[in-house]
Amino acid sequence: MIEHSISICSLNLGHSLKNPLNMFSISNMIKNFDVVALQETHFQTAASAATFHQHFEKDFDIKVSFPLKDDTYAGIALLIKHNSILRFESKKLEMPGRVMAYTCNIGNKI
């Protein structure tokens, strides 16, 4: 029987992303996890949300959910490390900015 392990981290960001330098400390905290759930992203602009994506997309597949009427981009995010055995398959549930649920495939690391 082949066993796989998956490391998971949940992080409440609060307002820590208001300072772009905090992305580097967050990167260091989450770099060894396969799956990361982020709550309370509180991006202030579309540009800051784009900066987040640019910073983390080299290591993670990113799914985000923001309230549709909210222009502050405060919501949640799921990140799966590119070299993990998990892959996002399909969205199962979303309440924008509050709940996101995905089915993931388990396969071989790349």
Protein backbone atom coordinates (compact mmCIF):
# COMPACT_ATOMS: atom_id res chain seq x y z
CA MET A 1 0.00 0.00 0.00
CA ILE A 2 1.35 3.40 -0.98
CA GLU A 3 0.98 6.09 1.65
CA HIS A 4 1.01 9.80 0.96
CA SER A 5 1.13 12.61 3.44
CA ILE A 6 -0.33 16.05 2.91
CA SER A 7 0.56 19.03 5.08
CA ILE A 8 -2.18 21.62 5.66
CA CYS A 9 -2.02 25.13 7.11
CA SER A 10 -4.78 27.61 7.92
CA LEU A 11 -3.80 31.24 8.39
CA ASN A 12 -5.94 34.21 9.39
CA LEU A 13 -4.25 37.16 7.72
CA GLY A 14 -6.33 39.89 9.32
CA HIS A 15 -4.95 43.09 7.88
CA SER A 16 -1.36 41.83 7.54
CA LEU A 17 -1.38 42.20 3.74
CA LYS A 18 -1.78 45.97 3.99
CA ASN A 19 2.00 46.01 4.24
CA PRO A 20 3.47 44.31 1.13
CA LEU A 21 6.60 43.33 3.08
CA ASN A 22 4.48 40.92 5.10
CA MET A 23 4.09 38.72 2.00
CA PHE A 24 7.69 37.58 2.46
CA SER A 25 7.13 36.50 6.07
CA ILE A 26 3.89 34.77 5.05
CA SER A 27 5.81 33.00 2.26
CA ASN A 28 8.29 31.70 4.80
CA MET A 29 5.49 30.47 7.07
CA ILE A 30 3.63 28.55 4.37
CA LYS A 31 6.43 27.34 2.09
CA ASN A 32 6.50 23.80 3.53
CA PHE A 33 2.76 23.13 3.32
CA ASP A 34 0.90 21.38 0.49
CA VAL A 35 -2.43 23.10 1.17
CA VAL A 36 -2.90 26.55 2.64
CA ALA A 37 -6.24 28.13 3.58
CA LEU A 38 -6.15 31.90 4.02
CA GLN A 39 -8.88 33.88 5.74
CA GLU A 40 -9.46 37.64 5.90
CA THR A 41 -7.18 38.58 3.03
CA HIS A 42 -8.24 42.27 3.15
CA PHE A 43 -6.60 43.39 -0.07
CA GLN A 44 -7.16 47.12 -0.39
CA THR A 45 -7.08 47.34 -4.18
CA ALA A 46 -7.18 45.13 -7.24
CA ALA A 47 -3.47 45.91 -7.63
CA SER A 48 -2.65 44.50 -4.18
CA ALA A 49 -4.62 41.34 -4.98
CA ALA A 50 -2.65 41.05 -8.25
CA THR A 51 0.63 41.49 -6.34
CA PHE A 52 -0.41 38.63 -4.04
CA HIS A 53 -1.05 36.40 -7.06
CA GLN A 54 2.27 37.31 -8.68
CA HIS A 55 4.12 36.59 -5.45
CA PHE A 56 2.56 33.19 -4.70
CA GLU A 57 1.62 31.76 -8.11
CA LYS A 58 5.18 30.57 -8.79
CA ASP A 59 4.78 28.02 -5.96
CA PHE A 60 1.01 27.53 -5.63
CA ASP A 61 -2.18 27.04 -7.63
CA ILE A 62 -4.44 29.74 -6.17
CA LYS A 63 -8.22 29.96 -5.84
CA VAL A 64 -9.75 33.08 -4.29
CA SER A 65 -13.25 34.16 -3.34
CA PHE A 66 -14.29 37.74 -2.70
CA PRO A 67 -17.79 39.11 -2.05
CA LEU A 68 -19.15 40.28 -5.39
CA LYS A 69 -20.20 43.70 -4.10
CA ASP A 70 -17.05 44.29 -2.06
CA ASP A 71 -14.41 46.48 -3.71
CA THR A 72 -11.83 45.90 -0.95
CA TYR A 73 -11.10 42.31 -2.02
CA ALA A 74 -11.51 40.97 1.51
CA GLY A 75 -12.13 37.26 1.32
CA ILE A 76 -10.57 33.83 1.43
CA ALA A 77 -8.05 31.88 -0.61
CA LEU A 78 -6.99 28.26 -1.09
CA LEU A 79 -3.47 27.48 -2.24
CA ILE A 80 -2.14 24.09 -3.34
CA LYS A 81 1.60 23.73 -3.84
CA HIS A 82 2.54 22.94 -7.45
CA ASN A 83 4.65 19.93 -6.46
CA SER A 84 1.95 18.47 -4.19
CA ILE A 85 0.11 15.24 -5.00
CA LEU A 86 -3.16 17.24 -4.93
CA ARG A 87 -4.77 19.08 -7.84
CA PHE A 88 -7.92 21.19 -7.85
CA GLU A 89 -10.61 19.37 -9.81
CA SER A 90 -13.90 21.21 -9.45
CA LYS A 91 -15.59 23.79 -7.29
CA LYS A 92 -18.28 22.26 -5.09
CA LEU A 93 -19.51 25.26 -3.12
CA GLU A 94 -18.96 28.98 -2.87
CA MET A 95 -20.44 31.75 -0.79
CA PRO A 96 -18.31 34.66 -2.07
CA GLY A 97 -15.80 35.79 0.51
CA ARG A 98 -17.00 33.28 3.11
CA VAL A 99 -16.93 29.66 1.93
CA MET A 100 -15.10 27.83 -0.84
CA ALA A 101 -15.07 24.05 -1.27
CA TYR A 102 -13.24 22.09 -3.97
CA THR A 103 -12.83 18.48 -4.94
CA CYS A 104 -9.16 17.65 -5.41
CA ASN A 105 -7.50 14.82 -7.32
CA ILE A 106 -4.68 12.86 -5.74
CA GLY A 107 -1.92 11.93 -8.17
CA ASN A 108 1.81 11.83 -8.49
CA LYS A 109 4.08 14.71 -7.57
CA ILE A 110 5.56 16.49 -10.54
